[in-house]
N, C-alpha and C. Protein backbone atom coordinates (compact mmCIF):
# COMPACT_ATOMS: atom_id res chain seq x y z
N UNK A 1 -17.27 43.43 30.37
CA UNK A 1 -16.27 42.87 29.49
C UNK A 1 -15.58 41.66 30.14
N UNK A 2 -15.14 41.85 31.42
CA UNK A 2 -14.48 40.74 32.12
C UNK A 2 -15.42 39.55 32.27
N UNK A 3 -16.65 39.84 32.59
CA UNK A 3 -17.64 38.77 32.78
C UNK A 3 -17.87 38.01 31.47
N UNK A 4 -17.98 38.73 30.36
CA UNK A 4 -18.18 38.10 29.06
C UNK A 4 -16.98 37.23 28.69
N UNK A 5 -15.78 37.72 28.94
CA UNK A 5 -14.57 36.95 28.66
C UNK A 5 -14.55 35.67 29.48
N UNK A 6 -14.86 35.78 30.75
CA UNK A 6 -14.91 34.61 31.61
C UNK A 6 -15.93 33.59 31.14
N UNK A 7 -17.10 34.07 30.73
CA UNK A 7 -18.15 33.16 30.26
C UNK A 7 -17.75 32.46 28.96
N UNK A 8 -17.06 33.17 28.07
CA UNK A 8 -16.61 32.55 26.83
C UNK A 8 -15.59 31.45 27.13
N UNK A 9 -14.68 31.73 28.05
CA UNK A 9 -13.68 30.71 28.43
C UNK A 9 -14.37 29.49 29.02
N UNK A 10 -15.31 29.71 29.94
CA UNK A 10 -16.03 28.60 30.57
C UNK A 10 -16.80 27.80 29.53
N UNK A 11 -17.39 28.49 28.57
CA UNK A 11 -18.18 27.82 27.54
C UNK A 11 -17.30 27.06 26.55
N UNK A 12 -16.17 27.64 26.19
CA UNK A 12 -15.32 27.08 25.14
C UNK A 12 -14.39 25.98 25.64
N UNK A 13 -13.89 26.12 26.84
CA UNK A 13 -12.87 25.19 27.34
C UNK A 13 -13.27 23.72 27.29
N UNK A 14 -14.46 23.35 27.72
CA UNK A 14 -14.81 21.92 27.64
C UNK A 14 -14.75 21.35 26.22
N UNK A 15 -15.16 22.14 25.24
CA UNK A 15 -15.12 21.67 23.85
C UNK A 15 -13.69 21.48 23.37
N UNK A 16 -12.83 22.41 23.70
CA UNK A 16 -11.42 22.31 23.30
C UNK A 16 -10.77 21.11 23.97
N UNK A 17 -10.98 20.98 25.27
CA UNK A 17 -10.39 19.86 26.01
C UNK A 17 -10.92 18.52 25.49
N UNK A 18 -12.21 18.45 25.23
CA UNK A 18 -12.80 17.21 24.70
C UNK A 18 -12.17 16.84 23.35
N UNK A 19 -11.96 17.83 22.49
CA UNK A 19 -11.35 17.59 21.19
C UNK A 19 -9.91 17.10 21.34
N UNK A 20 -9.17 17.72 22.23
CA UNK A 20 -7.78 17.30 22.48
C UNK A 20 -7.79 15.87 23.03
N UNK A 21 -8.62 15.60 24.01
CA UNK A 21 -8.69 14.26 24.61
C UNK A 21 -9.07 13.20 23.59
N UNK A 22 -10.04 13.52 22.73
CA UNK A 22 -10.47 12.55 21.72
C UNK A 22 -9.32 12.19 20.79
N UNK A 23 -8.62 13.19 20.32
CA UNK A 23 -7.48 12.95 19.43
C UNK A 23 -6.34 12.24 20.16
N UNK A 24 -6.12 12.64 21.41
CA UNK A 24 -5.05 12.01 22.18
C UNK A 24 -5.32 10.54 22.44
N UNK A 25 -6.56 10.24 22.80
CA UNK A 25 -6.94 8.85 23.06
C UNK A 25 -6.69 7.99 21.84
N UNK A 26 -7.05 8.50 20.69
CA UNK A 26 -6.89 7.74 19.45
C UNK A 26 -5.41 7.47 19.17
N UNK A 27 -4.55 8.39 19.56
CA UNK A 27 -3.12 8.25 19.29
C UNK A 27 -2.39 7.40 20.34
N UNK A 28 -2.78 7.54 21.58
CA UNK A 28 -2.00 6.98 22.67
C UNK A 28 -2.47 5.63 23.16
N UNK A 29 -3.68 5.23 22.84
CA UNK A 29 -4.20 3.96 23.36
C UNK A 29 -3.49 2.80 22.72
N UNK A 30 -3.33 1.69 23.33
CA UNK A 30 -3.78 1.43 24.70
C UNK A 30 -2.69 1.68 25.74
N UNK A 31 -1.50 2.07 25.31
CA UNK A 31 -0.40 2.11 26.28
C UNK A 31 -0.37 3.35 27.17
N UNK A 32 -1.18 4.36 26.87
CA UNK A 32 -1.14 5.59 27.66
C UNK A 32 -2.54 6.20 27.73
N UNK A 33 -2.98 6.49 28.95
CA UNK A 33 -4.28 7.14 29.12
C UNK A 33 -4.11 8.65 29.05
N UNK A 34 -5.21 9.35 28.91
CA UNK A 34 -5.17 10.81 28.88
C UNK A 34 -4.60 11.33 30.20
N UNK A 35 -5.01 10.74 31.30
CA UNK A 35 -4.50 11.15 32.61
C UNK A 35 -2.99 10.95 32.70
N UNK A 36 -2.50 9.83 32.21
CA UNK A 36 -1.06 9.58 32.22
C UNK A 36 -0.33 10.60 31.34
N UNK A 37 -0.94 10.95 30.22
CA UNK A 37 -0.35 11.96 29.35
C UNK A 37 -0.27 13.30 30.08
N UNK A 38 -1.31 13.64 30.83
CA UNK A 38 -1.29 14.88 31.61
C UNK A 38 -0.15 14.88 32.62
N UNK A 39 0.10 13.74 33.24
CA UNK A 39 1.21 13.64 34.19
C UNK A 39 2.53 13.88 33.45
N UNK A 40 2.71 13.23 32.31
CA UNK A 40 3.93 13.45 31.52
C UNK A 40 4.07 14.92 31.14
N UNK A 41 2.96 15.54 30.79
CA UNK A 41 2.96 16.95 30.43
C UNK A 41 3.47 17.81 31.59
N UNK A 42 3.00 17.53 32.78
CA UNK A 42 3.42 18.28 33.97
C UNK A 42 4.90 18.04 34.27
N UNK A 43 5.33 16.78 34.16
CA UNK A 43 6.72 16.45 34.44
C UNK A 43 7.68 16.94 33.36
N UNK A 44 7.16 17.17 32.18
CA UNK A 44 7.99 17.68 31.08
C UNK A 44 8.56 19.04 31.44
N UNK A 45 7.85 19.80 32.27
CA UNK A 45 8.32 21.12 32.68
C UNK A 45 9.30 21.06 33.84
N UNK A 46 9.43 19.90 34.48
CA UNK A 46 10.38 19.74 35.57
C UNK A 46 9.92 18.70 36.57
N UNK A 47 10.85 18.21 37.39
CA UNK A 47 10.51 17.18 38.37
C UNK A 47 9.55 17.70 39.44
N UNK A 48 8.76 16.79 39.97
CA UNK A 48 7.78 17.11 41.00
C UNK A 48 7.76 15.98 42.03
N UNK A 49 7.21 16.26 43.18
CA UNK A 49 7.00 15.21 44.17
C UNK A 49 5.63 14.58 43.91
N UNK A 50 5.42 13.42 44.49
CA UNK A 50 4.12 12.75 44.40
C UNK A 50 3.02 13.67 44.94
N UNK A 51 3.30 14.31 46.06
CA UNK A 51 2.32 15.19 46.69
C UNK A 51 1.97 16.37 45.78
N UNK A 52 2.98 16.98 45.17
CA UNK A 52 2.73 18.11 44.27
C UNK A 52 1.84 17.67 43.10
N UNK A 53 2.15 16.51 42.55
CA UNK A 53 1.36 16.01 41.42
C UNK A 53 -0.08 15.70 41.84
N UNK A 54 -0.23 15.11 43.02
CA UNK A 54 -1.58 14.78 43.51
C UNK A 54 -2.40 16.06 43.72
N UNK A 55 -1.80 17.07 44.33
CA UNK A 55 -2.50 18.35 44.53
C UNK A 55 -2.87 18.98 43.20
N UNK A 56 -1.94 18.96 42.25
CA UNK A 56 -2.19 19.53 40.92
C UNK A 56 -3.35 18.82 40.21
N UNK A 57 -3.39 17.49 40.34
CA UNK A 57 -4.42 16.70 39.65
C UNK A 57 -5.73 16.64 40.42
N UNK A 58 -5.70 17.05 41.69
CA UNK A 58 -6.92 17.02 42.50
C UNK A 58 -7.31 15.62 42.94
N UNK A 59 -6.31 14.77 43.17
CA UNK A 59 -6.55 13.39 43.62
C UNK A 59 -5.73 13.12 44.86
N UNK A 60 -5.95 11.98 45.50
CA UNK A 60 -5.17 11.69 46.69
C UNK A 60 -3.80 11.11 46.30
N UNK A 61 -2.89 11.13 47.27
CA UNK A 61 -1.51 10.70 47.00
C UNK A 61 -1.41 9.24 46.59
N UNK A 62 -2.26 8.39 47.16
CA UNK A 62 -2.21 6.96 46.83
C UNK A 62 -2.59 6.72 45.36
N UNK A 63 -3.61 7.42 44.90
CA UNK A 63 -4.03 7.28 43.50
C UNK A 63 -2.92 7.76 42.56
N UNK A 64 -2.29 8.88 42.92
CA UNK A 64 -1.19 9.38 42.09
C UNK A 64 -0.03 8.41 42.11
N UNK A 65 0.26 7.85 43.27
CA UNK A 65 1.36 6.89 43.37
C UNK A 65 1.13 5.69 42.46
N UNK A 66 -0.10 5.20 42.40
CA UNK A 66 -0.41 4.07 41.50
C UNK A 66 -0.22 4.45 40.04
N UNK A 67 -0.64 5.65 39.68
CA UNK A 67 -0.47 6.12 38.29
C UNK A 67 1.02 6.23 37.96
N UNK A 68 1.80 6.73 38.90
CA UNK A 68 3.24 6.87 38.67
C UNK A 68 3.92 5.51 38.57
N UNK A 69 3.47 4.56 39.36
CA UNK A 69 4.03 3.19 39.28
C UNK A 69 3.80 2.60 37.90
N UNK A 70 2.62 2.82 37.35
CA UNK A 70 2.32 2.33 35.99
C UNK A 70 3.25 2.99 34.98
N UNK A 71 3.43 4.30 35.09
CA UNK A 71 4.31 5.02 34.17
C UNK A 71 5.77 4.59 34.35
N UNK A 72 6.13 4.30 35.59
CA UNK A 72 7.50 3.85 35.88
C UNK A 72 7.76 2.48 35.24
N UNK A 73 6.77 1.59 35.29
CA UNK A 73 6.92 0.26 34.67
C UNK A 73 7.09 0.37 33.16
N UNK A 74 6.54 1.42 32.57
CA UNK A 74 6.68 1.65 31.13
C UNK A 74 7.95 2.45 30.80
N UNK A 75 8.75 2.75 31.82
CA UNK A 75 9.99 3.52 31.67
C UNK A 75 9.72 4.94 31.16
N UNK A 76 8.59 5.51 31.55
CA UNK A 76 8.26 6.87 31.13
C UNK A 76 8.62 7.89 32.21
N UNK A 77 8.66 7.44 33.46
CA UNK A 77 9.09 8.29 34.58
C UNK A 77 10.02 7.49 35.48
N UNK A 78 10.76 8.24 36.29
CA UNK A 78 11.66 7.60 37.27
C UNK A 78 11.56 8.38 38.58
N UNK A 79 11.74 7.66 39.67
CA UNK A 79 11.73 8.29 40.99
C UNK A 79 13.17 8.36 41.50
N UNK A 80 13.50 9.52 42.06
CA UNK A 80 14.83 9.69 42.64
C UNK A 80 14.67 10.30 44.01
N UNK A 81 15.44 9.79 44.96
CA UNK A 81 15.35 10.26 46.33
C UNK A 81 15.82 11.70 46.44
N UNK A 82 15.09 12.46 47.21
CA UNK A 82 15.46 13.84 47.50
C UNK A 82 16.62 13.82 48.49
N UNK A 83 17.75 14.34 48.10
CA UNK A 83 18.94 14.31 48.97
C UNK A 83 18.77 15.17 50.21
N UNK A 84 17.98 16.23 50.11
CA UNK A 84 17.75 17.10 51.27
C UNK A 84 16.80 16.46 52.27
N UNK A 85 15.85 15.69 51.77
CA UNK A 85 14.86 15.04 52.63
C UNK A 85 14.69 13.60 52.13
N UNK A 86 15.39 12.70 52.76
CA UNK A 86 15.44 11.31 52.27
C UNK A 86 14.10 10.58 52.35
N UNK A 87 13.13 11.20 53.00
CA UNK A 87 11.80 10.57 53.06
C UNK A 87 11.04 10.76 51.75
N UNK A 88 11.42 11.75 50.96
CA UNK A 88 10.67 12.08 49.76
C UNK A 88 11.38 11.69 48.47
N UNK A 89 10.61 11.52 47.42
CA UNK A 89 11.14 11.23 46.11
C UNK A 89 10.70 12.31 45.14
N UNK A 90 11.57 12.60 44.20
CA UNK A 90 11.19 13.44 43.08
C UNK A 90 10.90 12.54 41.90
N UNK A 91 9.91 12.89 41.13
CA UNK A 91 9.56 12.12 39.95
C UNK A 91 10.03 12.92 38.74
N UNK A 92 10.78 12.25 37.88
CA UNK A 92 11.32 12.84 36.67
C UNK A 92 10.73 12.13 35.46
N UNK A 93 10.60 12.85 34.37
CA UNK A 93 10.24 12.21 33.11
C UNK A 93 11.53 11.66 32.50
N UNK A 94 11.49 10.44 31.98
CA UNK A 94 12.67 9.83 31.37
C UNK A 94 12.79 10.28 29.91
N UNK A 95 13.89 9.91 29.27
CA UNK A 95 14.06 10.22 27.85
C UNK A 95 12.95 9.55 27.04
N UNK A 96 12.60 8.32 27.39
CA UNK A 96 11.51 7.62 26.71
C UNK A 96 10.20 8.37 26.91
N UNK A 97 9.96 8.84 28.13
CA UNK A 97 8.76 9.61 28.44
C UNK A 97 8.71 10.92 27.66
N UNK A 98 9.85 11.60 27.57
CA UNK A 98 9.91 12.85 26.80
C UNK A 98 9.61 12.59 25.33
N UNK A 99 10.18 11.53 24.79
CA UNK A 99 9.93 11.20 23.38
C UNK A 99 8.45 10.90 23.14
N UNK A 100 7.85 10.13 24.03
CA UNK A 100 6.42 9.79 23.91
C UNK A 100 5.58 11.07 23.99
N UNK A 101 5.88 11.91 24.98
CA UNK A 101 5.15 13.16 25.16
C UNK A 101 5.26 14.04 23.92
N UNK A 102 6.47 14.21 23.41
CA UNK A 102 6.67 15.06 22.24
C UNK A 102 5.96 14.52 21.01
N UNK A 103 6.02 13.21 20.82
CA UNK A 103 5.38 12.61 19.64
C UNK A 103 3.87 12.83 19.67
N UNK A 104 3.25 12.57 20.81
CA UNK A 104 1.80 12.75 20.92
C UNK A 104 1.44 14.23 20.81
N UNK A 105 2.20 15.09 21.47
CA UNK A 105 1.93 16.53 21.41
C UNK A 105 2.03 17.06 19.99
N UNK A 106 3.01 16.58 19.26
CA UNK A 106 3.21 17.03 17.88
C UNK A 106 2.00 16.67 17.01
N UNK A 107 1.55 15.43 17.11
CA UNK A 107 0.43 14.99 16.27
C UNK A 107 -0.86 15.71 16.67
N UNK A 108 -1.15 15.77 17.96
CA UNK A 108 -2.37 16.46 18.41
C UNK A 108 -2.28 17.95 18.05
N UNK A 109 -1.10 18.53 18.22
CA UNK A 109 -0.89 19.93 17.84
C UNK A 109 -1.16 20.16 16.36
N UNK A 110 -0.75 19.23 15.53
CA UNK A 110 -1.00 19.34 14.09
C UNK A 110 -2.49 19.27 13.78
N UNK A 111 -3.21 18.41 14.50
CA UNK A 111 -4.65 18.30 14.29
C UNK A 111 -5.35 19.61 14.67
N UNK A 112 -4.94 20.19 15.79
CA UNK A 112 -5.52 21.46 16.23
C UNK A 112 -5.14 22.56 15.23
N UNK A 113 -3.90 22.58 14.78
CA UNK A 113 -3.45 23.58 13.82
C UNK A 113 -4.24 23.51 12.52
N UNK A 114 -4.58 22.30 12.09
CA UNK A 114 -5.37 22.14 10.87
C UNK A 114 -6.73 22.82 11.02
N UNK A 115 -7.31 22.76 12.21
CA UNK A 115 -8.59 23.44 12.44
C UNK A 115 -8.40 24.96 12.42
N UNK A 116 -7.33 25.42 13.02
CA UNK A 116 -7.06 26.85 13.10
C UNK A 116 -6.71 27.41 11.72
N UNK A 117 -6.12 26.60 10.87
CA UNK A 117 -5.77 27.02 9.51
C UNK A 117 -7.00 27.43 8.70
N UNK A 118 -8.17 27.06 9.15
CA UNK A 118 -9.41 27.38 8.43
C UNK A 118 -9.85 28.83 8.64
N UNK A 119 -9.21 29.52 9.58
CA UNK A 119 -9.56 30.93 9.80
C UNK A 119 -8.48 31.81 9.16
N UNK A 120 -8.79 33.07 8.98
CA UNK A 120 -7.85 33.99 8.30
C UNK A 120 -6.56 34.14 9.11
N UNK A 121 -5.51 34.53 8.42
CA UNK A 121 -4.22 34.75 9.08
C UNK A 121 -4.34 35.83 10.14
N UNK A 122 -5.11 36.87 9.84
CA UNK A 122 -5.31 37.95 10.81
C UNK A 122 -5.96 37.42 12.08
N UNK A 123 -6.99 36.60 11.93
CA UNK A 123 -7.66 36.03 13.11
C UNK A 123 -6.74 35.05 13.84
N UNK A 124 -5.89 34.34 13.10
CA UNK A 124 -4.92 33.44 13.74
C UNK A 124 -3.96 34.24 14.62
N UNK A 125 -3.52 35.39 14.13
CA UNK A 125 -2.62 36.25 14.92
C UNK A 125 -3.32 36.77 16.17
N UNK A 126 -4.59 37.16 16.01
CA UNK A 126 -5.37 37.62 17.17
C UNK A 126 -5.52 36.51 18.19
N UNK A 127 -5.81 35.31 17.70
CA UNK A 127 -5.97 34.16 18.58
C UNK A 127 -4.68 33.89 19.35
N UNK A 128 -3.56 33.92 18.64
CA UNK A 128 -2.26 33.67 19.28
C UNK A 128 -1.99 34.70 20.37
N UNK A 129 -2.25 35.96 20.09
CA UNK A 129 -2.04 37.00 21.11
C UNK A 129 -2.93 36.76 22.33
N UNK A 130 -4.19 36.41 22.08
CA UNK A 130 -5.10 36.12 23.18
C UNK A 130 -4.65 34.93 24.01
N UNK A 131 -4.19 33.89 23.33
CA UNK A 131 -3.71 32.69 24.04
C UNK A 131 -2.46 33.00 24.87
N UNK A 132 -1.60 33.86 24.35
CA UNK A 132 -0.41 34.26 25.12
C UNK A 132 -0.80 35.02 26.39
N UNK A 133 -1.83 35.85 26.29
CA UNK A 133 -2.34 36.57 27.47
C UNK A 133 -2.91 35.57 28.47
N UNK A 134 -3.73 34.62 27.99
CA UNK A 134 -4.30 33.60 28.88
C UNK A 134 -3.20 32.79 29.57
N UNK A 135 -2.17 32.44 28.84
CA UNK A 135 -1.06 31.68 29.43
C UNK A 135 -0.46 32.47 30.61
N UNK A 136 -0.24 33.76 30.43
CA UNK A 136 0.33 34.59 31.50
C UNK A 136 -0.62 34.66 32.70
N UNK A 137 -1.90 34.84 32.42
CA UNK A 137 -2.89 34.98 33.50
C UNK A 137 -2.98 33.68 34.31
N UNK A 138 -3.01 32.53 33.63
CA UNK A 138 -3.24 31.28 34.33
C UNK A 138 -1.98 30.56 34.78
N UNK A 139 -0.81 31.07 34.42
CA UNK A 139 0.43 30.41 34.85
C UNK A 139 0.90 30.91 36.21
N UNK A 140 0.19 31.86 36.77
CA UNK A 140 0.58 32.40 38.08
C UNK A 140 0.15 31.49 39.18
């Protein structure tokens, strides 16, 4: 059972992500890339350091720093010095960044919801319960 569940997730995830990315690209271009949107998504949950973001994204710190500089020039993120350790900066999402993130998330969410609306209400409830379980499992 566990193996089958894992295989379904592995099989399904690329299709879901590709669909989200396709819709996101159409909405956000040219001012925001999918990668930049992912950064905003991570920062929407709270401030992070450059190093934390680089580790999360699986890239080096210099590449993340360049991406953050681009977002900073667009007033979507801001860097603030860590008072405890003046060598480091925390990166925050700005009000403009939050608005951009919410607007794109809302539209892409509506597109995904339209697809889910094609299944029965009972199956939608089952899907929601399953997704809530996945969220708990993968948020650790």
